[in-house]
Amino acid sequence: MIYFKNFAKENKNATPVVALIFSSVLVSIVVSMNFSNSLAATYKFAILLGTLTCLVAYLFSIIAFFILDSKQPGIRWGKLTVAFLAFIYSMWAVIGSGEEIVYWGFVMLMAGLPFYAWIKMKQKSTL
């Protein structure tokens, strides 16, 4: 089920042109936010921001694991220990990204919430 059908449209070479243009515009906005710095600093900013976005996904995945595992009978101490250590490491990496990166990552995460809400409103109720 695709809600942003324009992003899925492909040209004759099976390339999702709209999605590529959209992502390029977003990257250009991110780079322009940091235009006063040198090219190396801008590259570092983009790399750290990209890393932060991956870490957020990891953190949510770890929490989802804890929730799903809690619904299973028995306690799997080995898996829970590894998941807990992964959570601690991911949090350490987020903190290590720096204040500016965490700030912009949070801003971008919040900017995505209207899209999430729009998708949820379009979904049919399962009640």
C-alpha atoms as a PDB file:
ATOM      1  CA  MET A   1       0.000   0.000   0.000  1.00  0.00           C
ATOM      2  CA  ILE A   2       1.733   3.162  -1.230  1.00  0.00           C
ATOM      3  CA  TYR A   3       0.429   6.533  -0.077  1.00  0.00           C
ATOM      4  CA  PHE A   4       2.880   8.697  -1.921  1.00  0.00           C
ATOM      5  CA  LYS A   5       2.216   7.230  -5.358  1.00  0.00           C
ATOM      6  CA  ASN A   6       4.168   9.960  -7.114  1.00  0.00           C
ATOM      7  CA  PHE A   7       7.343   8.761  -5.393  1.00  0.00           C
ATOM      8  CA  ALA A   8       6.833   5.287  -6.853  1.00  0.00           C
ATOM      9  CA  LYS A   9       6.431   6.484 -10.440  1.00  0.00           C
ATOM     10  CA  GLU A  10       9.262   5.353 -12.656  1.00  0.00           C
ATOM     11  CA  ASN A  11      10.527   6.601 -15.984  1.00  0.00           C
ATOM     12  CA  LYS A  12      11.167   4.365 -19.018  1.00  0.00           C
ATOM     13  CA  ASN A  13      14.455   3.197 -17.434  1.00  0.00           C
ATOM     14  CA  ALA A  14      12.676   2.044 -14.235  1.00  0.00           C
ATOM     15  CA  THR A  15      14.142   4.934 -12.224  1.00  0.00           C
ATOM     16  CA  PRO A  16      11.981   6.541  -9.534  1.00  0.00           C
ATOM     17  CA  VAL A  17      12.676  10.076 -10.755  1.00  0.00           C
ATOM     18  CA  VAL A  18      10.302  11.916  -8.410  1.00  0.00           C
ATOM     19  CA  ALA A  19      11.740  10.178  -5.339  1.00  0.00           C
ATOM     20  CA  LEU A  20      15.295  10.932  -6.462  1.00  0.00           C
ATOM     21  CA  ILE A  21      14.529  14.598  -7.098  1.00  0.00           C
ATOM     22  CA  PHE A  22      12.743  14.904  -3.756  1.00  0.00           C
ATOM     23  CA  SER A  23      15.641  13.332  -1.854  1.00  0.00           C
ATOM     24  CA  SER A  24      18.125  15.530  -3.720  1.00  0.00           C
ATOM     25  CA  VAL A  25      16.183  18.633  -2.725  1.00  0.00           C
ATOM     26  CA  LEU A  26      16.175  17.492   0.898  1.00  0.00           C
ATOM     27  CA  VAL A  27      19.927  16.887   0.816  1.00  0.00           C
ATOM     28  CA  SER A  28      20.437  20.328  -0.747  1.00  0.00           C
ATOM     29  CA  ILE A  29      18.435  21.897   2.080  1.00  0.00           C
ATOM     30  CA  VAL A  30      20.518  20.062   4.685  1.00  0.00           C
ATOM     31  CA  VAL A  31      23.768  21.153   3.031  1.00  0.00           C
ATOM     32  CA  SER A  32      22.565  24.752   2.681  1.00  0.00           C
ATOM     33  CA  MET A  33      21.794  24.839   6.426  1.00  0.00           C
ATOM     34  CA  ASN A  34      25.502  24.409   6.916  1.00  0.00           C
ATOM     35  CA  PHE A  35      26.753  26.638   4.086  1.00  0.00           C
ATOM     36  CA  SER A  36      28.884  28.877   6.297  1.00  0.00           C
ATOM     37  CA  ASN A  37      31.265  26.025   7.146  1.00  0.00           C
ATOM     38  CA  SER A  38      34.005  24.547   5.003  1.00  0.00           C
ATOM     39  CA  LEU A  39      33.315  21.682   2.644  1.00  0.00           C
ATOM     40  CA  ALA A  40      34.899  19.230   5.084  1.00  0.00           C
ATOM     41  CA  ALA A  41      32.731  20.493   7.950  1.00  0.00           C
ATOM     42  CA  THR A  42      29.619  20.261   5.765  1.00  0.00           C
ATOM     43  CA  TYR A  43      30.546  16.696   4.804  1.00  0.00           C
ATOM     44  CA  LYS A  44      31.080  15.815   8.467  1.00  0.00           C
ATOM     45  CA  PHE A  45      27.699  17.371   9.304  1.00  0.00           C
ATOM     46  CA  ALA A  46      25.946  15.305   6.617  1.00  0.00           C
ATOM     47  CA  ILE A  47      27.690  12.078   7.662  1.00  0.00           C
ATOM     48  CA  LEU A  48      26.865  12.574  11.340  1.00  0.00           C
ATOM     49  CA  LEU A  49      23.255  13.450  10.536  1.00  0.00           C
ATOM     50  CA  GLY A  50      22.936  10.340   8.372  1.00  0.00           C
ATOM     51  CA  THR A  51      24.449   8.231  11.128  1.00  0.00           C
ATOM     52  CA  LEU A  52      22.041   9.714  13.643  1.00  0.00           C
ATOM     53  CA  THR A  53      19.043   8.804  11.491  1.00  0.00           C
ATOM     54  CA  CYS A  54      20.249   5.186  11.367  1.00  0.00           C
ATOM     55  CA  LEU A  55      20.730   5.167  15.129  1.00  0.00           C
ATOM     56  CA  VAL A  56      17.165   6.362  15.680  1.00  0.00           C
ATOM     57  CA  ALA A  57      15.916   3.409  13.623  1.00  0.00           C
ATOM     58  CA  TYR A  58      18.119   1.056  15.648  1.00  0.00           C
ATOM     59  CA  LEU A  59      16.802   2.460  18.929  1.00  0.00           C
ATOM     60  CA  PHE A  60      13.190   2.010  17.859  1.00  0.00           C
ATOM     61  CA  SER A  61      13.984  -1.525  16.675  1.00  0.00           C
ATOM     62  CA  ILE A  62      15.553  -2.407  20.017  1.00  0.00           C
ATOM     63  CA  ILE A  63      12.514  -1.104  21.894  1.00  0.00           C
ATOM     64  CA  ALA A  64      10.235  -3.060  19.543  1.00  0.00           C
ATOM     65  CA  PHE A  65      12.279  -6.174  20.316  1.00  0.00           C
ATOM     66  CA  PHE A  66      11.791  -5.670  24.055  1.00  0.00           C
ATOM     67  CA  ILE A  67       8.045  -5.218  23.573  1.00  0.00           C
ATOM     68  CA  LEU A  68       7.651  -8.257  21.316  1.00  0.00           C
ATOM     69  CA  ASP A  69       9.897 -10.450  23.459  1.00  0.00           C
ATOM     70  CA  SER A  70       7.944  -9.570  26.590  1.00  0.00           C
ATOM     71  CA  LYS A  71       4.872 -11.177  25.012  1.00  0.00           C
ATOM     72  CA  GLN A  72       6.661 -14.532  24.634  1.00  0.00           C
ATOM     73  CA  PRO A  73       6.663 -17.085  27.456  1.00  0.00           C
ATOM     74  CA  GLY A  74       9.933 -17.372  29.352  1.00  0.00           C
ATOM     75  CA  ILE A  75      12.824 -14.966  29.675  1.00  0.00           C
ATOM     76  CA  ARG A  76      15.650 -15.074  27.155  1.00  0.00           C
ATOM     77  CA  TRP A  77      18.432 -13.491  29.191  1.00  0.00           C
ATOM     78  CA  GLY A  78      21.045 -13.765  26.446  1.00  0.00           C
ATOM     79  CA  LYS A  79      18.960 -11.953  23.837  1.00  0.00           C
ATOM     80  CA  LEU A  80      17.778  -9.350  26.335  1.00  0.00           C
ATOM     81  CA  THR A  81      21.363  -8.684  27.424  1.00  0.00           C
ATOM     82  CA  VAL A  82      22.525  -8.201  23.836  1.00  0.00           C
ATOM     83  CA  ALA A  83      19.564  -5.924  23.121  1.00  0.00           C
ATOM     84  CA  PHE A  84      20.234  -3.895  26.258  1.00  0.00           C
ATOM     85  CA  LEU A  85      23.914  -3.503  25.320  1.00  0.00           C
ATOM     86  CA  ALA A  86      22.894  -2.492  21.790  1.00  0.00           C
ATOM     87  CA  PHE A  87      20.578   0.139  23.256  1.00  0.00           C
ATOM     88  CA  ILE A  88      23.326   1.518  25.510  1.00  0.00           C
ATOM     89  CA  TYR A  89      25.809   1.604  22.619  1.00  0.00           C
ATOM     90  CA  SER A  90      23.316   3.322  20.305  1.00  0.00           C
ATOM     91  CA  MET A  91      22.523   5.942  22.937  1.00  0.00           C
ATOM     92  CA  TRP A  92      26.256   6.499  23.474  1.00  0.00           C
ATOM     93  CA  ALA A  93      26.680   6.995  19.717  1.00  0.00           C
ATOM     94  CA  VAL A  94      23.759   9.460  19.609  1.00  0.00           C
ATOM     95  CA  ILE A  95      25.280  11.458  22.459  1.00  0.00           C
ATOM     96  CA  GLY A  96      28.641  11.332  20.707  1.00  0.00           C
ATOM     97  CA  SER A  97      27.131  12.884  17.580  1.00  0.00           C
ATOM     98  CA  GLY A  98      27.070  16.254  19.295  1.00  0.00           C
ATOM     99  CA  GLU A  99      24.462  18.819  20.232  1.00  0.00           C
ATOM    100  CA  GLU A 100      24.060  20.362  16.787  1.00  0.00           C
ATOM    101  CA  ILE A 101      23.531  17.013  15.072  1.00  0.00           C
ATOM    102  CA  VAL A 102      21.046  15.825  17.700  1.00  0.00           C
ATOM    103  CA  TYR A 103      19.208  19.156  17.408  1.00  0.00           C
ATOM    104  CA  TRP A 104      18.872  18.962  13.620  1.00  0.00           C
ATOM    105  CA  GLY A 105      18.038  15.270  13.775  1.00  0.00           C
ATOM    106  CA  PHE A 106      15.222  16.000  16.206  1.00  0.00           C
ATOM    107  CA  VAL A 107      13.939  18.844  14.033  1.00  0.00           C
ATOM    108  CA  MET A 108      13.896  16.575  10.973  1.00  0.00           C
ATOM    109  CA  LEU A 109      12.234  13.774  12.911  1.00  0.00           C
ATOM    110  CA  MET A 110       9.487  16.170  14.007  1.00  0.00           C
ATOM    111  CA  ALA A 111       9.151  17.481  10.442  1.00  0.00           C
ATOM    112  CA  GLY A 112       8.238  13.942   9.376  1.00  0.00           C
ATOM    113  CA  LEU A 113       5.369  13.634  11.856  1.00  0.00           C
ATOM    114  CA  PRO A 114       2.782  15.365   9.634  1.00  0.00           C
ATOM    115  CA  PHE A 115       3.509  12.790   6.904  1.00  0.00           C
ATOM    116  CA  TYR A 116       3.079   9.985   9.437  1.00  0.00           C
ATOM    117  CA  ALA A 117      -0.207  11.497  10.639  1.00  0.00           C
ATOM    118  CA  TRP A 118      -1.438  11.883   7.059  1.00  0.00           C
ATOM    119  CA  ILE A 119      -0.671   8.230   6.299  1.00  0.00           C
ATOM    120  CA  LYS A 120      -2.407   7.089   9.490  1.00  0.00           C
ATOM    121  CA  MET A 121      -5.485   9.177   8.671  1.00  0.00           C
ATOM    122  CA  LYS A 122      -5.666   7.596   5.206  1.00  0.00           C
ATOM    123  CA  GLN A 123      -5.464   4.045   6.584  1.00  0.00           C
ATOM    124  CA  LYS A 124      -8.746   2.268   7.084  1.00  0.00           C
ATOM    125  CA  SER A 125      -9.692   1.735  10.690  1.00  0.00           C
ATOM    126  CA  THR A 126      -9.250  -1.832  11.884  1.00  0.00           C
ATOM    127  CA  LEU A 127     -11.799  -1.419  14.705  1.00  0.00           C
END
